[in-house]
Amino acid sequence: MYATVGDRILMHGRTVGAGERHGEIIEVRGGDGKPPYLVKFADGQENLIFPGSDCEIELHAR
């Protein structure tokens, strides 16, 4: 997985009833755009994310 600052991340719910989470990548801590990513979610919470198969990256227009 590859991302840059400003890209959006969509995390699908992993269990029944779990909603999706949307956020913006505000920092890339891995080399060459690789995880982990610091993500700021719509609710203002920031988390360090190692995305799995339940995540999608939406590229920001560069």
PDB file of N, CA and C in Angstrom:
ATOM      1  N   MET A   1       0.846  -1.161   0.000  1.00  0.00           N
ATOM      2  CA  MET A   1       0.000   0.000   0.000  1.00  0.00           C
ATOM      3  C   MET A   1       0.900   1.235   0.000  1.00  0.00           C
ATOM      4  N   TYR A   2       0.494   2.267  -0.743  1.00  0.00           N
ATOM      5  CA  TYR A   2       1.261   3.487  -0.891  1.00  0.00           C
ATOM      6  C   TYR A   2       0.337   4.680  -0.723  1.00  0.00           C
ATOM      7  N   ALA A   3       0.770   5.686   0.025  1.00  0.00           N
ATOM      8  CA  ALA A   3      -0.042   6.888   0.231  1.00  0.00           C
ATOM      9  C   ALA A   3       0.860   8.087   0.469  1.00  0.00           C
ATOM     10  N   THR A   4       0.275   9.279   0.329  1.00  0.00           N
ATOM     11  CA  THR A   4       0.969  10.522   0.643  1.00  0.00           C
ATOM     12  C   THR A   4       0.060  11.369   1.517  1.00  0.00           C
ATOM     13  N   VAL A   5       0.634  12.392   2.127  1.00  0.00           N
ATOM     14  CA  VAL A   5      -0.149  13.310   2.956  1.00  0.00           C
ATOM     15  C   VAL A   5      -1.249  13.932   2.104  1.00  0.00           C
ATOM     16  N   GLY A   6      -2.453  13.967   2.656  1.00  0.00           N
ATOM     17  CA  GLY A   6      -3.603  14.520   1.950  1.00  0.00           C
ATOM     18  C   GLY A   6      -4.507  13.461   1.337  1.00  0.00           C
ATOM     19  N   ASP A   7      -3.986  12.231   1.163  1.00  0.00           N
ATOM     20  CA  ASP A   7      -4.829  11.143   0.669  1.00  0.00           C
ATOM     21  C   ASP A   7      -5.886  10.814   1.714  1.00  0.00           C
ATOM     22  N   ARG A   8      -6.998  10.268   1.267  1.00  0.00           N
ATOM     23  CA  ARG A   8      -8.082   9.869   2.167  1.00  0.00           C
ATOM     24  C   ARG A   8      -8.009   8.359   2.360  1.00  0.00           C
ATOM     25  N   ILE A   9      -8.412   7.911   3.530  1.00  0.00           N
ATOM     26  CA  ILE A   9      -8.452   6.474   3.813  1.00  0.00           C
ATOM     27  C   ILE A   9      -9.869   6.099   4.232  1.00  0.00           C
ATOM     28  N   LEU A  10     -10.328   4.977   3.734  1.00  0.00           N
ATOM     29  CA  LEU A  10     -11.650   4.437   4.061  1.00  0.00           C
ATOM     30  C   LEU A  10     -11.417   3.086   4.705  1.00  0.00           C
ATOM     31  N   MET A  11     -11.873   2.953   5.945  1.00  0.00           N
ATOM     32  CA  MET A  11     -11.745   1.687   6.673  1.00  0.00           C
ATOM     33  C   MET A  11     -13.128   1.055   6.776  1.00  0.00           C
ATOM     34  N   HIS A  12     -13.306  -0.086   6.113  1.00  0.00           N
ATOM     35  CA  HIS A  12     -14.577  -0.803   6.154  1.00  0.00           C
ATOM     36  C   HIS A  12     -14.746  -1.468   7.511  1.00  0.00           C
ATOM     37  N   GLY A  13     -15.999  -1.569   7.981  1.00  0.00           N
ATOM     38  CA  GLY A  13     -16.273  -2.260   9.233  1.00  0.00           C
ATOM     39  C   GLY A  13     -15.882  -3.722   9.131  1.00  0.00           C
ATOM     40  N   ARG A  14     -15.223  -4.229  10.153  1.00  0.00           N
ATOM     41  CA  ARG A  14     -14.747  -5.616  10.117  1.00  0.00           C
ATOM     42  C   ARG A  14     -15.729  -6.597  10.736  1.00  0.00           C
ATOM     43  N   THR A  15     -16.708  -6.084  11.477  1.00  0.00           N
ATOM     44  CA  THR A  15     -17.689  -6.953  12.104  1.00  0.00           C
ATOM     45  C   THR A  15     -19.091  -6.449  11.769  1.00  0.00           C
ATOM     46  N   VAL A  16     -20.072  -7.300  11.938  1.00  0.00           N
ATOM     47  CA  VAL A  16     -21.458  -6.932  11.666  1.00  0.00           C
ATOM     48  C   VAL A  16     -21.842  -5.743  12.545  1.00  0.00           C
ATOM     49  N   GLY A  17     -22.404  -4.722  11.926  1.00  0.00           N
ATOM     50  CA  GLY A  17     -22.841  -3.543  12.654  1.00  0.00           C
ATOM     51  C   GLY A  17     -21.787  -2.465  12.818  1.00  0.00           C
ATOM     52  N   ALA A  18     -20.546  -2.796  12.497  1.00  0.00           N
ATOM     53  CA  ALA A  18     -19.481  -1.790  12.588  1.00  0.00           C
ATOM     54  C   ALA A  18     -19.528  -0.920  11.343  1.00  0.00           C
ATOM     55  N   GLY A  19     -19.564   0.374  11.541  1.00  0.00           N
ATOM     56  CA  GLY A  19     -19.629   1.299  10.414  1.00  0.00           C
ATOM     57  C   GLY A  19     -18.267   1.536   9.780  1.00  0.00           C
ATOM     58  N   GLU A  20     -18.289   2.241   8.659  1.00  0.00           N
ATOM     59  CA  GLU A  20     -17.053   2.616   7.996  1.00  0.00           C
ATOM     60  C   GLU A  20     -16.503   3.886   8.629  1.00  0.00           C
ATOM     61  N   ARG A  21     -15.194   4.043   8.554  1.00  0.00           N
ATOM     62  CA  ARG A  21     -14.537   5.253   9.061  1.00  0.00           C
ATOM     63  C   ARG A  21     -13.773   5.896   7.909  1.00  0.00           C
ATOM     64  N   HIS A  22     -13.895   7.214   7.830  1.00  0.00           N
ATOM     65  CA  HIS A  22     -13.205   7.981   6.799  1.00  0.00           C
ATOM     66  C   HIS A  22     -12.228   8.922   7.483  1.00  0.00           C
ATOM     67  N   GLY A  23     -11.067   9.084   6.901  1.00  0.00           N
ATOM     68  CA  GLY A  23     -10.105  10.007   7.471  1.00  0.00           C
ATOM     69  C   GLY A  23      -9.121  10.503   6.432  1.00  0.00           C
ATOM     70  N   GLU A  24      -8.310  11.468   6.846  1.00  0.00           N
ATOM     71  CA  GLU A  24      -7.277  12.034   5.992  1.00  0.00           C
ATOM     72  C   GLU A  24      -5.914  11.677   6.550  1.00  0.00           C
ATOM     73  N   ILE A  25      -5.016  11.261   5.680  1.00  0.00           N
ATOM     74  CA  ILE A  25      -3.659  10.938   6.095  1.00  0.00           C
ATOM     75  C   ILE A  25      -2.919  12.255   6.311  1.00  0.00           C
ATOM     76  N   ILE A  26      -2.459  12.470   7.543  1.00  0.00           N
ATOM     77  CA  ILE A  26      -1.782  13.721   7.867  1.00  0.00           C
ATOM     78  C   ILE A  26      -0.271  13.535   8.033  1.00  0.00           C
ATOM     79  N   GLU A  27       0.175  12.280   8.102  1.00  0.00           N
ATOM     80  CA  GLU A  27       1.608  12.011   8.184  1.00  0.00           C
ATOM     81  C   GLU A  27       1.875  10.586   7.720  1.00  0.00           C
ATOM     82  N   VAL A  28       2.917  10.428   6.908  1.00  0.00           N
ATOM     83  CA  VAL A  28       3.361   9.101   6.462  1.00  0.00           C
ATOM     84  C   VAL A  28       4.659   8.814   7.200  1.00  0.00           C
ATOM     85  N   ARG A  29       4.662   7.782   8.010  1.00  0.00           N
ATOM     86  CA  ARG A  29       5.841   7.486   8.839  1.00  0.00           C
ATOM     87  C   ARG A  29       6.727   6.394   8.268  1.00  0.00           C
ATOM     88  N   GLY A  30       6.243   5.670   7.275  1.00  0.00           N
ATOM     89  CA  GLY A  30       7.052   4.645   6.636  1.00  0.00           C
ATOM     90  C   GLY A  30       7.840   5.238   5.478  1.00  0.00           C
ATOM     91  N   GLY A  31       8.820   4.517   5.012  1.00  0.00           N
ATOM     92  CA  GLY A  31       9.610   4.969   3.875  1.00  0.00           C
ATOM     93  C   GLY A  31       8.876   4.785   2.561  1.00  0.00           C
ATOM     94  N   ASP A  32       9.092   5.687   1.631  1.00  0.00           N
ATOM     95  CA  ASP A  32       8.523   5.597   0.279  1.00  0.00           C
ATOM     96  C   ASP A  32       7.007   5.471   0.266  1.00  0.00           C
ATOM     97  N   GLY A  33       6.319   6.161   1.168  1.00  0.00           N
ATOM     98  CA  GLY A  33       4.861   6.173   1.185  1.00  0.00           C
ATOM     99  C   GLY A  33       4.212   4.954   1.805  1.00  0.00           C
ATOM    100  N   LYS A  34       4.990   4.133   2.461  1.00  0.00           N
ATOM    101  CA  LYS A  34       4.454   2.912   3.074  1.00  0.00           C
ATOM    102  C   LYS A  34       3.996   3.184   4.502  1.00  0.00           C
ATOM    103  N   PRO A  35       3.118   2.326   5.045  1.00  0.00           N
ATOM    104  CA  PRO A  35       2.629   2.490   6.419  1.00  0.00           C
ATOM    105  C   PRO A  35       3.760   2.414   7.427  1.00  0.00           C
ATOM    106  N   PRO A  36       3.507   2.923   8.614  1.00  0.00           N
ATOM    107  CA  PRO A  36       2.227   3.368   9.167  1.00  0.00           C
ATOM    108  C   PRO A  36       1.885   4.798   8.760  1.00  0.00           C
ATOM    109  N   TYR A  37       0.563   5.105   8.878  1.00  0.00           N
ATOM    110  CA  TYR A  37       0.043   6.426   8.558  1.00  0.00           C
ATOM    111  C   TYR A  37      -0.628   7.012   9.796  1.00  0.00           C
ATOM    112  N   LEU A  38      -0.400   8.300  10.024  1.00  0.00           N
ATOM    113  CA  LEU A  38      -1.140   9.009  11.048  1.00  0.00           C
ATOM    114  C   LEU A  38      -2.366   9.582  10.359  1.00  0.00           C
ATOM    115  N   VAL A  39      -3.550   9.198  10.843  1.00  0.00           N
ATOM    116  CA  VAL A  39      -4.810   9.546  10.196  1.00  0.00           C
ATOM    117  C   VAL A  39      -5.667  10.365  11.145  1.00  0.00           C
ATOM    118  N   LYS A  40      -6.247  11.440  10.601  1.00  0.00           N
ATOM    119  CA  LYS A  40      -7.213  12.240  11.357  1.00  0.00           C
ATOM    120  C   LYS A  40      -8.590  11.911  10.810  1.00  0.00           C
ATOM    121  N   PHE A  41      -9.446  11.382  11.684  1.00  0.00           N
ATOM    122  CA  PHE A  41     -10.785  10.974  11.291  1.00  0.00           C
ATOM    123  C   PHE A  41     -11.771  12.126  11.425  1.00  0.00           C
ATOM    124  N   ALA A  42     -12.943  11.967  10.834  1.00  0.00           N
ATOM    125  CA  ALA A  42     -13.968  13.011  10.801  1.00  0.00           C
ATOM    126  C   ALA A  42     -14.369  13.471  12.200  1.00  0.00           C
ATOM    127  N   ASP A  43     -14.275  12.582  13.189  1.00  0.00           N
ATOM    128  CA  ASP A  43     -14.650  12.958  14.559  1.00  0.00           C
ATOM    129  C   ASP A  43     -13.529  13.684  15.306  1.00  0.00           C
ATOM    130  N   GLY A  44     -12.409  13.953  14.603  1.00  0.00           N
ATOM    131  CA  GLY A  44     -11.290  14.669  15.191  1.00  0.00           C
ATOM    132  C   GLY A  44     -10.241  13.777  15.827  1.00  0.00           C
ATOM    133  N   GLN A  45     -10.528  12.506  15.961  1.00  0.00           N
ATOM    134  CA  GLN A  45      -9.589  11.562  16.572  1.00  0.00           C
ATOM    135  C   GLN A  45      -8.441  11.284  15.608  1.00  0.00           C
ATOM    136  N   GLU A  46      -7.220  11.173  16.135  1.00  0.00           N
ATOM    137  CA  GLU A  46      -6.047  10.827  15.343  1.00  0.00           C
ATOM    138  C   GLU A  46      -5.519   9.474  15.802  1.00  0.00           C
ATOM    139  N   ASN A  47      -5.223   8.609  14.827  1.00  0.00           N
ATOM    140  CA  ASN A  47      -4.710   7.277  15.133  1.00  0.00           C
ATOM    141  C   ASN A  47      -3.591   6.915  14.180  1.00  0.00           C
ATOM    142  N   LEU A  48      -2.632   6.127  14.673  1.00  0.00           N
ATOM    143  CA  LEU A  48      -1.589   5.560  13.847  1.00  0.00           C
ATOM    144  C   LEU A  48      -2.143   4.264  13.259  1.00  0.00           C
ATOM    145  N   ILE A  49      -2.150   4.167  11.935  1.00  0.00           N
ATOM    146  CA  ILE A  49      -2.818   3.067  11.245  1.00  0.00           C
ATOM    147  C   ILE A  49      -1.818   2.254  10.425  1.00  0.00           C
ATOM    148  N   PHE A  50      -1.901   0.957  10.551  1.00  0.00           N
ATOM    149  CA  PHE A  50      -1.243   0.006   9.665  1.00  0.00           C
ATOM    150  C   PHE A  50      -2.367  -0.635   8.857  1.00  0.00           C
ATOM    151  N   PRO A  51      -2.725  -0.092   7.684  1.00  0.00           N
ATOM    152  CA  PRO A  51      -3.912  -0.560   6.960  1.00  0.00           C
ATOM    153  C   PRO A  51      -3.807  -2.018   6.532  1.00  0.00           C
ATOM    154  N   GLY A  52      -4.958  -2.675   6.577  1.00  0.00           N
ATOM    155  CA  GLY A  52      -5.060  -4.053   6.138  1.00  0.00           C
ATOM    156  C   GLY A  52      -5.953  -4.158   4.917  1.00  0.00           C
ATOM    157  N   SER A  53      -6.443  -5.349   4.672  1.00  0.00           N
ATOM    158  CA  SER A  53      -7.275  -5.589   3.488  1.00  0.00           C
ATOM    159  C   SER A  53      -8.646  -4.936   3.593  1.00  0.00           C
ATOM    160  N   ASP A  54      -8.997  -4.430   4.772  1.00  0.00           N
ATOM    161  CA  ASP A  54     -10.283  -3.763   4.966  1.00  0.00           C
ATOM    162  C   ASP A  54     -10.195  -2.260   4.703  1.00  0.00           C
ATOM    163  N   CYS A  55      -9.074  -1.783   4.146  1.00  0.00           N
ATOM    164  CA  CYS A  55      -8.866  -0.349   3.917  1.00  0.00           C
ATOM    165  C   CYS A  55      -8.685  -0.045   2.436  1.00  0.00           C
ATOM    166  N   GLU A  56      -9.106   1.160   2.055  1.00  0.00           N
ATOM    167  CA  GLU A  56      -8.885   1.671   0.709  1.00  0.00           C
ATOM    168  C   GLU A  56      -8.272   3.053   0.819  1.00  0.00           C
ATOM    169  N   ILE A  57      -7.363   3.372  -0.108  1.00  0.00           N
ATOM    170  CA  ILE A  57      -6.753   4.693  -0.165  1.00  0.00           C
ATOM    171  C   ILE A  57      -7.347   5.420  -1.373  1.00  0.00           C
ATOM    172  N   GLU A  58      -7.838   6.639  -1.143  1.00  0.00           N
ATOM    173  CA  GLU A  58      -8.317   7.498  -2.229  1.00  0.00           C
ATOM    174  C   GLU A  58      -7.254   8.563  -2.433  1.00  0.00           C
ATOM    175  N   LEU A  59      -6.605   8.542  -3.598  1.00  0.00           N
ATOM    176  CA  LEU A  59      -5.506   9.445  -3.848  1.00  0.00           C
ATOM    177  C   LEU A  59      -5.985  10.884  -3.970  1.00  0.00           C
ATOM    178  N   HIS A  60      -5.239  11.769  -3.354  1.00  0.00           N
ATOM    179  CA  HIS A  60      -5.491  13.199  -3.430  1.00  0.00           C
ATOM    180  C   HIS A  60      -4.943  13.699  -4.757  1.00  0.00           C
ATOM    181  N   ALA A  61      -5.637  14.629  -5.404  1.00  0.00           N
ATOM    182  CA  ALA A  61      -5.139  15.185  -6.667  1.00  0.00           C
ATOM    183  C   ALA A  61      -3.790  15.850  -6.425  1.00  0.00           C
ATOM    184  N   ARG A  62      -2.787  15.439  -7.153  1.00  0.00           N
ATOM    185  CA  ARG A  62      -1.446  15.973  -6.966  1.00  0.00           C
ATOM    186  C   ARG A  62      -1.112  16.964  -8.045  1.00  0.00           C
TER     187      ARG A  62
END
